[in-house]
N, C-alpha and C. Protein backbone atom coordinates (compact mmCIF):
# COMPACT_ATOMS: atom_id res chain seq x y z
N MET A 1 -6.41 39.49 67.13
CA MET A 1 -7.03 40.21 66.01
C MET A 1 -6.13 41.36 65.57
N THR A 2 -5.88 41.44 64.27
CA THR A 2 -5.00 42.47 63.75
C THR A 2 -5.68 43.84 63.77
N GLU A 3 -4.96 44.83 64.20
CA GLU A 3 -5.47 46.20 64.26
C GLU A 3 -5.73 46.74 62.85
N GLU A 4 -6.94 47.30 62.67
CA GLU A 4 -7.26 47.92 61.38
C GLU A 4 -6.54 49.25 61.28
N VAL A 5 -5.85 49.45 60.19
CA VAL A 5 -5.01 50.64 60.04
C VAL A 5 -5.63 51.60 59.03
N ASN A 6 -5.79 52.85 59.42
CA ASN A 6 -6.26 53.90 58.52
C ASN A 6 -5.03 54.49 57.83
N LEU A 7 -4.98 54.35 56.51
CA LEU A 7 -3.80 54.80 55.77
C LEU A 7 -3.90 56.26 55.32
N PHE A 8 -4.97 56.96 55.71
CA PHE A 8 -5.08 58.37 55.34
C PHE A 8 -3.87 59.18 55.80
N PRO A 9 -3.39 59.00 57.06
CA PRO A 9 -2.22 59.78 57.50
C PRO A 9 -1.00 59.55 56.61
N LEU A 10 -0.82 58.34 56.11
CA LEU A 10 0.32 58.05 55.23
C LEU A 10 0.19 58.82 53.92
N PHE A 11 -0.98 58.74 53.30
CA PHE A 11 -1.20 59.45 52.03
C PHE A 11 -1.05 60.96 52.22
N LEU A 12 -1.57 61.48 53.33
CA LEU A 12 -1.46 62.92 53.59
C LEU A 12 -0.01 63.31 53.81
N SER A 13 0.74 62.49 54.53
CA SER A 13 2.15 62.80 54.80
C SER A 13 2.95 62.87 53.50
N VAL A 14 2.74 61.90 52.62
CA VAL A 14 3.45 61.89 51.34
C VAL A 14 3.05 63.09 50.49
N LYS A 15 1.75 63.41 50.49
CA LYS A 15 1.27 64.56 49.72
C LYS A 15 1.84 65.86 50.26
N VAL A 16 1.81 66.01 51.57
CA VAL A 16 2.33 67.23 52.21
C VAL A 16 3.83 67.37 51.94
N ALA A 17 4.57 66.28 52.11
CA ALA A 17 6.02 66.32 51.90
C ALA A 17 6.35 66.62 50.43
N SER A 18 5.58 66.06 49.50
CA SER A 18 5.82 66.29 48.07
C SER A 18 5.56 67.75 47.71
N LEU A 19 4.43 68.29 48.19
CA LEU A 19 4.11 69.69 47.90
C LEU A 19 5.12 70.63 48.56
N ALA A 20 5.50 70.33 49.79
CA ALA A 20 6.48 71.16 50.50
C ALA A 20 7.82 71.15 49.78
N THR A 21 8.22 69.99 49.26
CA THR A 21 9.48 69.89 48.52
C THR A 21 9.41 70.67 47.21
N PHE A 22 8.29 70.54 46.51
CA PHE A 22 8.12 71.27 45.25
C PHE A 22 8.17 72.78 45.47
N ILE A 23 7.46 73.25 46.49
CA ILE A 23 7.48 74.68 46.83
C ILE A 23 8.88 75.09 47.26
N GLY A 24 9.53 74.21 48.02
CA GLY A 24 10.89 74.49 48.48
C GLY A 24 11.86 74.66 47.33
N ILE A 25 11.70 73.86 46.27
CA ILE A 25 12.57 73.98 45.10
C ILE A 25 12.34 75.32 44.40
N LEU A 26 11.07 75.68 44.23
CA LEU A 26 10.74 76.94 43.55
C LEU A 26 11.27 78.15 44.31
N ILE A 27 11.17 78.10 45.63
CA ILE A 27 11.59 79.25 46.44
C ILE A 27 13.06 79.14 46.85
N GLY A 28 13.46 77.93 47.22
CA GLY A 28 14.78 77.74 47.81
C GLY A 28 15.95 77.88 46.85
N LEU A 29 15.81 77.39 45.63
CA LEU A 29 16.92 77.46 44.69
C LEU A 29 17.32 78.90 44.34
N PRO A 30 16.36 79.78 44.03
CA PRO A 30 16.76 81.18 43.78
C PRO A 30 17.42 81.84 44.99
N ILE A 31 16.90 81.54 46.19
CA ILE A 31 17.49 82.11 47.40
C ILE A 31 18.90 81.58 47.60
N ALA A 32 19.08 80.28 47.41
CA ALA A 32 20.39 79.67 47.58
C ALA A 32 21.39 80.26 46.59
N TYR A 33 20.95 80.46 45.34
CA TYR A 33 21.84 81.02 44.33
C TYR A 33 22.21 82.46 44.68
N TYR A 34 21.24 83.23 45.14
CA TYR A 34 21.50 84.61 45.53
C TYR A 34 22.52 84.66 46.68
N LEU A 35 22.33 83.80 47.67
CA LEU A 35 23.24 83.79 48.82
C LEU A 35 24.64 83.34 48.42
N SER A 36 24.73 82.47 47.42
CA SER A 36 26.04 81.97 46.99
C SER A 36 26.83 83.03 46.22
N ARG A 37 26.13 84.01 45.66
CA ARG A 37 26.79 85.02 44.84
C ARG A 37 26.91 86.38 45.51
N SER A 38 26.33 86.56 46.66
CA SER A 38 26.36 87.86 47.33
C SER A 38 27.12 87.77 48.65
N LYS A 39 27.58 88.92 49.12
CA LYS A 39 28.32 89.01 50.38
C LYS A 39 27.82 90.22 51.17
N GLY A 40 28.26 90.28 52.41
CA GLY A 40 27.90 91.43 53.22
C GLY A 40 27.03 91.07 54.41
N LYS A 41 26.74 92.08 55.24
CA LYS A 41 25.97 91.87 56.46
C LYS A 41 24.54 91.45 56.16
N MET A 42 23.94 92.04 55.11
CA MET A 42 22.57 91.67 54.76
C MET A 42 22.48 90.20 54.38
N ASN A 43 23.49 89.72 53.67
CA ASN A 43 23.54 88.32 53.28
C ASN A 43 23.59 87.42 54.52
N ASP A 44 24.41 87.82 55.51
CA ASP A 44 24.52 87.06 56.75
C ASP A 44 23.21 87.08 57.53
N MET A 45 22.52 88.22 57.51
CA MET A 45 21.25 88.33 58.22
C MET A 45 20.20 87.42 57.59
N ILE A 46 20.11 87.43 56.26
CA ILE A 46 19.16 86.57 55.56
C ILE A 46 19.46 85.11 55.84
N ASP A 47 20.72 84.75 55.79
CA ASP A 47 21.13 83.37 56.05
C ASP A 47 20.76 82.95 57.47
N SER A 48 20.96 83.85 58.43
CA SER A 48 20.62 83.54 59.83
C SER A 48 19.12 83.33 60.00
N LEU A 49 18.32 84.19 59.38
CA LEU A 49 16.86 84.06 59.49
C LEU A 49 16.38 82.76 58.86
N LEU A 50 16.97 82.40 57.73
CA LEU A 50 16.56 81.18 57.05
C LEU A 50 16.97 79.92 57.80
N THR A 51 17.99 80.04 58.64
CA THR A 51 18.48 78.90 59.40
C THR A 51 17.72 78.71 60.71
N LEU A 52 16.96 79.71 61.13
CA LEU A 52 16.23 79.64 62.40
C LEU A 52 15.39 78.37 62.56
N PRO A 53 14.64 77.94 61.52
CA PRO A 53 13.83 76.73 61.69
C PRO A 53 14.64 75.48 62.03
N VAL A 54 15.93 75.49 61.72
CA VAL A 54 16.78 74.35 62.06
C VAL A 54 17.18 74.39 63.53
N VAL A 55 17.34 75.61 64.06
CA VAL A 55 17.84 75.80 65.42
C VAL A 55 16.72 75.83 66.46
N LEU A 56 15.65 76.56 66.15
CA LEU A 56 14.55 76.71 67.10
C LEU A 56 13.73 75.42 67.20
N PRO A 57 13.12 75.17 68.36
CA PRO A 57 12.22 74.02 68.49
C PRO A 57 11.05 74.13 67.52
N PRO A 58 10.59 73.02 66.96
CA PRO A 58 9.47 73.07 66.01
C PRO A 58 8.22 73.76 66.56
N THR A 59 7.97 73.60 67.86
CA THR A 59 6.79 74.24 68.44
C THR A 59 6.91 75.76 68.42
N VAL A 60 8.13 76.28 68.52
CA VAL A 60 8.33 77.74 68.45
C VAL A 60 8.03 78.23 67.04
N ILE A 61 8.51 77.50 66.03
CA ILE A 61 8.21 77.85 64.64
C ILE A 61 6.70 77.76 64.40
N GLY A 62 6.07 76.73 64.96
CA GLY A 62 4.63 76.59 64.83
C GLY A 62 3.88 77.75 65.45
N TYR A 63 4.37 78.22 66.59
CA TYR A 63 3.73 79.36 67.25
C TYR A 63 3.85 80.61 66.38
N TYR A 64 5.02 80.85 65.82
CA TYR A 64 5.20 82.00 64.94
C TYR A 64 4.25 81.94 63.75
N LEU A 65 4.09 80.75 63.18
CA LEU A 65 3.19 80.60 62.04
C LEU A 65 1.73 80.84 62.45
N LEU A 66 1.36 80.40 63.65
CA LEU A 66 0.02 80.66 64.14
C LEU A 66 -0.23 82.15 64.30
N VAL A 67 0.75 82.85 64.85
CA VAL A 67 0.63 84.30 65.02
C VAL A 67 0.54 84.99 63.66
N LEU A 68 1.31 84.51 62.70
CA LEU A 68 1.36 85.14 61.38
C LEU A 68 0.15 84.81 60.51
N LEU A 69 -0.34 83.57 60.60
CA LEU A 69 -1.37 83.09 59.67
C LEU A 69 -2.70 82.76 60.32
N GLY A 70 -2.79 82.88 61.65
CA GLY A 70 -4.02 82.54 62.36
C GLY A 70 -5.18 83.44 62.00
N ARG A 71 -6.36 83.07 62.45
CA ARG A 71 -7.58 83.81 62.09
C ARG A 71 -7.58 85.24 62.63
N GLU A 72 -6.80 85.49 63.68
CA GLU A 72 -6.75 86.82 64.27
C GLU A 72 -5.65 87.69 63.67
N SER A 73 -4.81 87.11 62.84
CA SER A 73 -3.75 87.90 62.19
C SER A 73 -4.33 88.64 61.00
N TRP A 74 -3.62 89.67 60.52
CA TRP A 74 -4.15 90.43 59.39
C TRP A 74 -4.18 89.59 58.12
N ILE A 75 -3.22 88.67 57.99
CA ILE A 75 -3.22 87.77 56.82
C ILE A 75 -4.41 86.82 56.90
N GLY A 76 -4.61 86.24 58.09
CA GLY A 76 -5.72 85.32 58.27
C GLY A 76 -7.07 85.98 58.05
N LYS A 77 -7.24 87.19 58.60
CA LYS A 77 -8.50 87.92 58.43
C LYS A 77 -8.74 88.27 56.96
N PHE A 78 -7.68 88.70 56.28
CA PHE A 78 -7.80 89.09 54.87
C PHE A 78 -8.22 87.90 54.01
N LEU A 79 -7.56 86.75 54.21
CA LEU A 79 -7.87 85.57 53.40
C LEU A 79 -9.27 85.04 53.69
N GLU A 80 -9.67 85.06 54.96
CA GLU A 80 -10.99 84.54 55.31
C GLU A 80 -12.11 85.47 54.84
N LYS A 81 -11.88 86.77 54.96
CA LYS A 81 -12.91 87.74 54.59
C LYS A 81 -13.10 87.82 53.08
N ASN A 82 -12.00 87.82 52.34
CA ASN A 82 -12.08 88.04 50.90
C ASN A 82 -12.16 86.76 50.07
N PHE A 83 -11.59 85.68 50.57
CA PHE A 83 -11.55 84.45 49.78
C PHE A 83 -12.13 83.24 50.51
N ASP A 84 -12.59 83.46 51.74
CA ASP A 84 -13.13 82.36 52.56
C ASP A 84 -12.10 81.23 52.71
N ILE A 85 -10.85 81.63 52.89
CA ILE A 85 -9.75 80.67 53.04
C ILE A 85 -9.20 80.73 54.46
N MET A 86 -9.08 79.56 55.08
CA MET A 86 -8.42 79.44 56.38
C MET A 86 -7.19 78.56 56.22
N ILE A 87 -6.10 78.98 56.85
CA ILE A 87 -4.85 78.24 56.73
C ILE A 87 -4.63 77.30 57.90
N VAL A 88 -4.82 77.82 59.12
CA VAL A 88 -4.58 76.98 60.29
C VAL A 88 -5.64 75.90 60.41
N PHE A 89 -5.22 74.74 60.91
CA PHE A 89 -6.07 73.57 61.09
C PHE A 89 -6.68 73.08 59.77
N THR A 90 -5.86 73.17 58.71
CA THR A 90 -6.23 72.66 57.39
C THR A 90 -5.01 71.97 56.78
N PRO A 91 -5.20 71.14 55.75
CA PRO A 91 -4.06 70.54 55.06
C PRO A 91 -3.11 71.59 54.49
N THR A 92 -3.66 72.74 54.07
CA THR A 92 -2.81 73.82 53.57
C THR A 92 -1.83 74.27 54.65
N GLY A 93 -2.32 74.37 55.88
CA GLY A 93 -1.44 74.73 56.99
C GLY A 93 -0.34 73.71 57.19
N ALA A 94 -0.68 72.43 56.99
CA ALA A 94 0.33 71.37 57.13
C ALA A 94 1.42 71.52 56.09
N VAL A 95 1.04 71.88 54.85
CA VAL A 95 2.01 72.07 53.78
C VAL A 95 2.92 73.25 54.09
N ILE A 96 2.34 74.35 54.55
CA ILE A 96 3.14 75.54 54.88
C ILE A 96 4.10 75.24 56.01
N ALA A 97 3.61 74.55 57.04
CA ALA A 97 4.47 74.19 58.17
C ALA A 97 5.63 73.31 57.72
N ALA A 98 5.33 72.29 56.91
CA ALA A 98 6.37 71.39 56.43
C ALA A 98 7.38 72.11 55.55
N CYS A 99 6.89 73.05 54.76
CA CYS A 99 7.77 73.81 53.87
C CYS A 99 8.72 74.69 54.68
N VAL A 100 8.20 75.39 55.66
CA VAL A 100 9.02 76.30 56.48
C VAL A 100 10.08 75.52 57.24
N ILE A 101 9.71 74.37 57.76
CA ILE A 101 10.63 73.61 58.61
C ILE A 101 11.68 72.85 57.79
N SER A 102 11.41 72.62 56.50
CA SER A 102 12.32 71.80 55.70
C SER A 102 13.14 72.57 54.68
N ILE A 103 12.67 73.73 54.25
CA ILE A 103 13.35 74.47 53.19
C ILE A 103 14.78 74.89 53.54
N PRO A 104 15.12 75.14 54.83
CA PRO A 104 16.52 75.49 55.13
C PRO A 104 17.52 74.43 54.70
N PHE A 105 17.11 73.15 54.73
CA PHE A 105 18.02 72.08 54.33
C PHE A 105 18.34 72.15 52.83
N LEU A 106 17.35 72.51 52.04
CA LEU A 106 17.58 72.66 50.60
C LEU A 106 18.45 73.88 50.32
N ILE A 107 18.17 74.98 50.99
CA ILE A 107 18.92 76.22 50.76
C ILE A 107 20.37 76.03 51.14
N LYS A 108 20.63 75.44 52.30
CA LYS A 108 22.02 75.24 52.75
C LYS A 108 22.80 74.35 51.80
N THR A 109 22.20 73.24 51.41
CA THR A 109 22.89 72.29 50.54
C THR A 109 23.08 72.84 49.14
N ALA A 110 22.04 73.47 48.60
CA ALA A 110 22.14 74.03 47.25
C ALA A 110 23.11 75.20 47.21
N ARG A 111 23.14 75.99 48.27
CA ARG A 111 24.08 77.12 48.32
C ARG A 111 25.51 76.63 48.25
N ALA A 112 25.81 75.58 49.00
CA ALA A 112 27.17 75.02 48.96
C ALA A 112 27.50 74.49 47.56
N ALA A 113 26.49 73.87 46.91
CA ALA A 113 26.71 73.34 45.56
C ALA A 113 26.94 74.47 44.56
N PHE A 114 26.18 75.54 44.68
CA PHE A 114 26.36 76.69 43.77
C PHE A 114 27.71 77.35 43.98
N THR A 115 28.13 77.45 45.24
CA THR A 115 29.42 78.07 45.55
C THR A 115 30.57 77.27 44.94
N GLY A 116 30.37 75.96 44.82
CA GLY A 116 31.42 75.10 44.28
C GLY A 116 31.57 75.15 42.77
N VAL A 117 30.65 75.82 42.08
CA VAL A 117 30.76 75.93 40.62
C VAL A 117 31.87 76.92 40.26
N ASP A 118 32.75 76.49 39.36
CA ASP A 118 33.90 77.32 38.95
C ASP A 118 33.42 78.63 38.33
N LYS A 119 33.83 79.76 38.91
CA LYS A 119 33.42 81.08 38.41
C LYS A 119 34.00 81.38 37.02
N ASP A 120 35.14 80.76 36.71
CA ASP A 120 35.73 80.98 35.39
C ASP A 120 34.82 80.48 34.27
N ILE A 121 34.11 79.38 34.54
CA ILE A 121 33.18 78.84 33.54
C ILE A 121 32.02 79.82 33.33
N ILE A 122 31.54 80.38 34.43
CA ILE A 122 30.43 81.35 34.35
C ILE A 122 30.87 82.60 33.59
N ASP A 123 32.08 83.08 33.92
CA ASP A 123 32.60 84.29 33.24
C ASP A 123 32.79 84.03 31.75
N ALA A 124 33.26 82.83 31.41
CA ALA A 124 33.46 82.49 30.00
C ALA A 124 32.12 82.46 29.25
N ALA A 125 31.10 81.95 29.92
CA ALA A 125 29.77 81.91 29.31
C ALA A 125 29.23 83.31 29.07
N ARG A 126 29.50 84.21 30.00
CA ARG A 126 29.05 85.60 29.84
C ARG A 126 29.77 86.26 28.66
N LEU A 127 31.06 85.97 28.51
CA LEU A 127 31.81 86.53 27.39
C LEU A 127 31.28 86.05 26.04
N LEU A 128 30.69 84.87 26.06
CA LEU A 128 30.12 84.31 24.83
C LEU A 128 28.70 84.82 24.57
N GLY A 129 28.22 85.70 25.45
CA GLY A 129 26.92 86.32 25.23
C GLY A 129 25.75 85.60 25.87
N ARG A 130 26.04 84.63 26.73
CA ARG A 130 24.95 83.91 27.40
C ARG A 130 24.26 84.84 28.41
N THR A 131 22.93 84.72 28.53
CA THR A 131 22.19 85.48 29.53
C THR A 131 22.33 84.80 30.89
N ASP A 132 22.02 85.54 31.95
CA ASP A 132 22.10 84.97 33.29
C ASP A 132 21.16 83.77 33.44
N ALA A 133 19.96 83.88 32.89
CA ALA A 133 19.00 82.78 32.98
C ALA A 133 19.52 81.55 32.25
N ASN A 134 20.11 81.76 31.08
CA ASN A 134 20.66 80.66 30.30
C ASN A 134 21.82 80.01 31.03
N ILE A 135 22.68 80.82 31.63
CA ILE A 135 23.82 80.29 32.40
C ILE A 135 23.34 79.48 33.59
N PHE A 136 22.30 79.98 34.26
CA PHE A 136 21.80 79.30 35.46
C PHE A 136 21.27 77.92 35.11
N PHE A 137 20.44 77.82 34.07
CA PHE A 137 19.79 76.55 33.76
C PHE A 137 20.65 75.61 32.94
N SER A 138 21.54 76.14 32.10
CA SER A 138 22.31 75.27 31.21
C SER A 138 23.71 74.94 31.74
N ILE A 139 24.20 75.72 32.70
CA ILE A 139 25.55 75.49 33.21
C ILE A 139 25.55 75.23 34.72
N ILE A 140 25.01 76.17 35.48
CA ILE A 140 25.10 76.08 36.94
C ILE A 140 24.31 74.90 37.49
N ILE A 141 23.05 74.76 37.07
CA ILE A 141 22.24 73.65 37.56
C ILE A 141 22.86 72.29 37.23
N PRO A 142 23.29 72.04 35.96
CA PRO A 142 23.91 70.75 35.67
C PRO A 142 25.18 70.48 36.48
N LEU A 143 25.98 71.52 36.76
CA LEU A 143 27.21 71.32 37.52
C LEU A 143 26.94 71.13 39.02
N ALA A 144 25.85 71.68 39.50
CA ALA A 144 25.56 71.63 40.93
C ALA A 144 24.47 70.62 41.27
N TRP A 145 24.06 69.78 40.33
CA TRP A 145 22.87 68.96 40.52
C TRP A 145 23.00 67.96 41.65
N ARG A 146 24.21 67.45 41.90
CA ARG A 146 24.37 66.47 42.98
C ARG A 146 24.04 67.08 44.34
N GLY A 147 24.55 68.29 44.57
CA GLY A 147 24.24 68.97 45.82
C GLY A 147 22.77 69.32 45.93
N ILE A 148 22.19 69.74 44.80
CA ILE A 148 20.77 70.08 44.79
C ILE A 148 19.93 68.83 45.07
N ALA A 149 20.31 67.72 44.47
CA ALA A 149 19.57 66.46 44.67
C ALA A 149 19.62 66.04 46.14
N SER A 150 20.78 66.18 46.75
CA SER A 150 20.90 65.86 48.18
C SER A 150 20.00 66.76 49.02
N GLY A 151 19.94 68.04 48.65
CA GLY A 151 19.08 68.96 49.36
C GLY A 151 17.61 68.61 49.21
N VAL A 152 17.22 68.19 48.01
CA VAL A 152 15.84 67.79 47.77
C VAL A 152 15.47 66.57 48.62
N ILE A 153 16.39 65.60 48.69
CA ILE A 153 16.15 64.41 49.51
C ILE A 153 15.98 64.78 50.98
N LEU A 154 16.88 65.62 51.49
CA LEU A 154 16.80 66.05 52.88
C LEU A 154 15.51 66.82 53.15
N THR A 155 15.12 67.66 52.19
CA THR A 155 13.91 68.46 52.35
C THR A 155 12.67 67.56 52.43
N PHE A 156 12.58 66.60 51.52
CA PHE A 156 11.44 65.69 51.54
C PHE A 156 11.40 64.88 52.83
N ALA A 157 12.56 64.36 53.24
CA ALA A 157 12.62 63.55 54.45
C ALA A 157 12.23 64.35 55.68
N ARG A 158 12.70 65.61 55.76
CA ARG A 158 12.36 66.46 56.91
C ARG A 158 10.89 66.79 56.92
N ALA A 159 10.33 67.09 55.74
CA ALA A 159 8.90 67.41 55.66
C ALA A 159 8.05 66.18 55.99
N LEU A 160 8.49 65.02 55.54
CA LEU A 160 7.74 63.79 55.79
C LEU A 160 7.68 63.47 57.28
N GLY A 161 8.75 63.77 58.00
CA GLY A 161 8.82 63.39 59.40
C GLY A 161 8.49 64.48 60.38
N ASP A 162 8.08 65.66 59.90
CA ASP A 162 7.81 66.76 60.84
C ASP A 162 6.62 66.45 61.73
N PHE A 163 6.76 66.84 62.99
CA PHE A 163 5.68 66.60 63.96
C PHE A 163 5.24 67.89 64.65
N GLY A 164 6.17 68.54 65.35
CA GLY A 164 5.81 69.66 66.20
C GLY A 164 5.19 70.83 65.47
N THR A 165 5.84 71.29 64.41
CA THR A 165 5.34 72.45 63.67
C THR A 165 4.00 72.14 63.00
N THR A 166 3.91 70.96 62.39
CA THR A 166 2.67 70.57 61.71
C THR A 166 1.52 70.47 62.70
N LEU A 167 1.77 69.87 63.86
CA LEU A 167 0.72 69.73 64.88
C LEU A 167 0.23 71.09 65.35
N MET A 168 1.16 72.04 65.54
CA MET A 168 0.79 73.36 66.01
C MET A 168 -0.08 74.09 64.99
N VAL A 169 0.23 73.95 63.72
CA VAL A 169 -0.43 74.74 62.68
C VAL A 169 -1.69 74.05 62.13
N SER A 170 -1.61 72.73 61.91
CA SER A 170 -2.74 72.04 61.28
C SER A 170 -3.60 71.25 62.25
N GLY A 171 -3.09 71.01 63.45
CA GLY A 171 -3.87 70.29 64.43
C GLY A 171 -3.90 68.79 64.16
N SER A 172 -4.85 68.12 64.82
CA SER A 172 -4.97 66.67 64.72
C SER A 172 -6.43 66.30 64.46
N ILE A 173 -6.93 66.67 63.28
CA ILE A 173 -8.33 66.43 62.91
C ILE A 173 -8.41 65.13 62.12
N PRO A 174 -9.17 64.14 62.60
CA PRO A 174 -9.25 62.84 61.92
C PRO A 174 -9.66 62.97 60.46
N ASP A 175 -8.91 62.27 59.59
CA ASP A 175 -9.17 62.22 58.16
C ASP A 175 -9.13 63.59 57.49
N GLN A 176 -8.46 64.53 58.13
CA GLN A 176 -8.31 65.85 57.53
C GLN A 176 -6.87 66.36 57.62
N THR A 177 -6.33 66.38 58.84
CA THR A 177 -4.99 66.97 59.02
C THR A 177 -4.02 66.07 59.76
N ILE A 178 -4.39 64.83 60.02
CA ILE A 178 -3.49 63.93 60.75
C ILE A 178 -2.45 63.32 59.81
N THR A 179 -1.20 63.68 60.00
CA THR A 179 -0.11 63.07 59.25
C THR A 179 0.41 61.85 60.01
N MET A 180 1.31 61.11 59.43
CA MET A 180 1.81 59.89 60.08
C MET A 180 2.47 60.14 61.44
N PRO A 181 3.37 61.13 61.55
CA PRO A 181 3.96 61.38 62.87
C PRO A 181 2.91 61.70 63.93
N ILE A 182 1.87 62.45 63.56
CA ILE A 182 0.81 62.78 64.50
C ILE A 182 -0.01 61.54 64.83
N ALA A 183 -0.29 60.71 63.83
CA ALA A 183 -1.03 59.47 64.05
C ALA A 183 -0.28 58.54 65.00
N ILE A 184 1.04 58.47 64.83
CA ILE A 184 1.86 57.64 65.72
C ILE A 184 1.80 58.17 67.14
N TYR A 185 1.90 59.48 67.27
CA TYR A 185 1.82 60.10 68.60
C TYR A 185 0.47 59.85 69.25
N ASP A 186 -0.61 60.00 68.50
CA ASP A 186 -1.96 59.78 69.04
C ASP A 186 -2.13 58.33 69.48
N ALA A 187 -1.65 57.38 68.66
CA ALA A 187 -1.77 55.97 69.01
C ALA A 187 -0.99 55.64 70.28
N MET A 188 0.17 56.25 70.40
CA MET A 188 0.99 56.02 71.59
C MET A 188 0.34 56.62 72.83
N GLN A 189 -0.25 57.82 72.68
CA GLN A 189 -0.93 58.46 73.79
C GLN A 189 -2.14 57.66 74.26
N GLU A 190 -2.79 56.96 73.32
CA GLU A 190 -3.95 56.14 73.66
C GLU A 190 -3.54 54.79 74.25
N GLY A 191 -2.25 54.51 74.27
CA GLY A 191 -1.77 53.25 74.80
C GLY A 191 -1.97 52.08 73.85
N ASN A 192 -2.20 52.37 72.57
CA ASN A 192 -2.43 51.33 71.57
C ASN A 192 -1.07 50.92 70.99
N GLU A 193 -0.44 49.99 71.66
CA GLU A 193 0.92 49.60 71.27
C GLU A 193 0.95 48.89 69.92
N GLU A 194 -0.07 48.08 69.63
CA GLU A 194 -0.10 47.36 68.36
C GLU A 194 -0.18 48.33 67.19
N LEU A 195 -1.09 49.30 67.28
CA LEU A 195 -1.23 50.28 66.20
C LEU A 195 0.02 51.14 66.08
N THR A 196 0.60 51.51 67.21
CA THR A 196 1.83 52.31 67.19
C THR A 196 2.94 51.58 66.44
N ASN A 197 3.11 50.29 66.75
CA ASN A 197 4.15 49.50 66.09
C ASN A 197 3.90 49.37 64.59
N ILE A 198 2.63 49.20 64.20
CA ILE A 198 2.30 49.08 62.78
C ILE A 198 2.61 50.38 62.05
N LEU A 199 2.19 51.50 62.63
CA LEU A 199 2.42 52.80 61.99
C LEU A 199 3.91 53.13 61.90
N VAL A 200 4.64 52.83 62.97
CA VAL A 200 6.08 53.06 62.96
C VAL A 200 6.75 52.20 61.88
N GLY A 201 6.31 50.96 61.75
CA GLY A 201 6.87 50.08 60.73
C GLY A 201 6.58 50.58 59.32
N ILE A 202 5.35 51.04 59.10
CA ILE A 202 4.98 51.58 57.78
C ILE A 202 5.80 52.82 57.46
N MET A 203 5.90 53.72 58.43
CA MET A 203 6.64 54.97 58.22
C MET A 203 8.11 54.69 57.92
N THR A 204 8.69 53.76 58.66
CA THR A 204 10.09 53.41 58.44
C THR A 204 10.28 52.78 57.07
N GLY A 205 9.36 51.89 56.69
CA GLY A 205 9.45 51.23 55.39
C GLY A 205 9.34 52.21 54.23
N VAL A 206 8.42 53.15 54.34
CA VAL A 206 8.23 54.15 53.29
C VAL A 206 9.47 55.03 53.15
N ALA A 207 10.01 55.48 54.29
CA ALA A 207 11.19 56.34 54.27
C ALA A 207 12.39 55.61 53.66
N LEU A 208 12.61 54.36 54.07
CA LEU A 208 13.74 53.59 53.53
C LEU A 208 13.57 53.32 52.04
N THR A 209 12.35 53.00 51.61
CA THR A 209 12.10 52.74 50.20
C THR A 209 12.38 53.98 49.37
N PHE A 210 11.91 55.12 49.85
CA PHE A 210 12.11 56.37 49.13
C PHE A 210 13.60 56.70 49.02
N LEU A 211 14.33 56.60 50.14
CA LEU A 211 15.75 56.92 50.13
C LEU A 211 16.54 55.96 49.27
N PHE A 212 16.18 54.67 49.32
CA PHE A 212 16.87 53.67 48.50
C PHE A 212 16.64 53.95 47.02
N ALA A 213 15.41 54.27 46.64
CA ALA A 213 15.09 54.54 45.24
C ALA A 213 15.85 55.77 44.74
N LEU A 214 15.92 56.80 45.55
CA LEU A 214 16.64 58.01 45.15
C LEU A 214 18.14 57.77 45.03
N ASN A 215 18.69 56.98 45.95
CA ASN A 215 20.12 56.67 45.87
C ASN A 215 20.45 55.87 44.61
N ARG A 216 19.56 54.93 44.26
CA ARG A 216 19.77 54.16 43.03
C ARG A 216 19.69 55.06 41.81
N LEU A 217 18.72 55.99 41.82
CA LEU A 217 18.58 56.90 40.70
C LEU A 217 19.80 57.79 40.55
N GLU A 218 20.34 58.24 41.68
CA GLU A 218 21.52 59.10 41.65
C GLU A 218 22.72 58.34 41.08
N LYS A 219 22.88 57.06 41.45
CA LYS A 219 24.00 56.28 40.94
C LYS A 219 23.87 56.06 39.43
N LYS A 220 22.64 55.82 38.96
CA LYS A 220 22.43 55.63 37.53
C LYS A 220 22.77 56.91 36.75
N MET A 221 22.38 58.05 37.33
CA MET A 221 22.69 59.32 36.67
C MET A 221 24.19 59.58 36.63
N ARG A 222 24.89 59.19 37.68
CA ARG A 222 26.35 59.35 37.69
C ARG A 222 27.01 58.47 36.64
N LYS A 223 26.51 57.23 36.51
CA LYS A 223 27.07 56.33 35.50
C LYS A 223 26.82 56.88 34.10
N GLY A 224 25.66 57.53 33.92
CA GLY A 224 25.34 58.08 32.62
C GLY A 224 26.24 59.21 32.20
N GLU A 225 26.94 59.83 33.19
CA GLU A 225 27.83 60.93 32.89
C GLU A 225 29.19 60.45 32.40
N HIS A 226 29.49 59.18 32.70
CA HIS A 226 30.83 58.66 32.35
C HIS A 226 30.78 57.90 31.03
């Protein structure tokens, strides 16, 4: 008899990864651009702090988020008292966890892409009276888009596959906060090999389909430039 599969974890994982990537773009691109144009000890300190989620174990990042956003923290108390909002053990917590753990990949990749943009082009645009905002969106983004696109792909993939941080912050509540990596872990812990294999196959298929589609889109965009 074939194991009945609950696809809620898959839909939640895609939703969480999509929201985390969108938030990462809004926050990460300005930070990456700032880091690419500034120098000094403060710049190095900011870069080091932003890279911590890549170096530290996911459970450590999850613990920090629990301390910062939990019900006993000042942020948690403020949100619950004034807006009746709880972050931990909710889908919102899963999005925040995925965003924190994945955004460094976008910042690192986009920063390298921004650094590679010829400064002479930017200076020439300024001499022509272009504003910084106009230069950023009409010149820098188009010239750095390949690096940014790679960062977006890495960010989505990292958010989609996160386990430790998400589990620490959002927990494992059926049909509420269980993402695919957590569902796979739970099935394996229960000794349900059939369900584990099905979930692993679905997760692998979704990831490969997404990456293949993005790679094809990138190639079409490159051809359109020539």
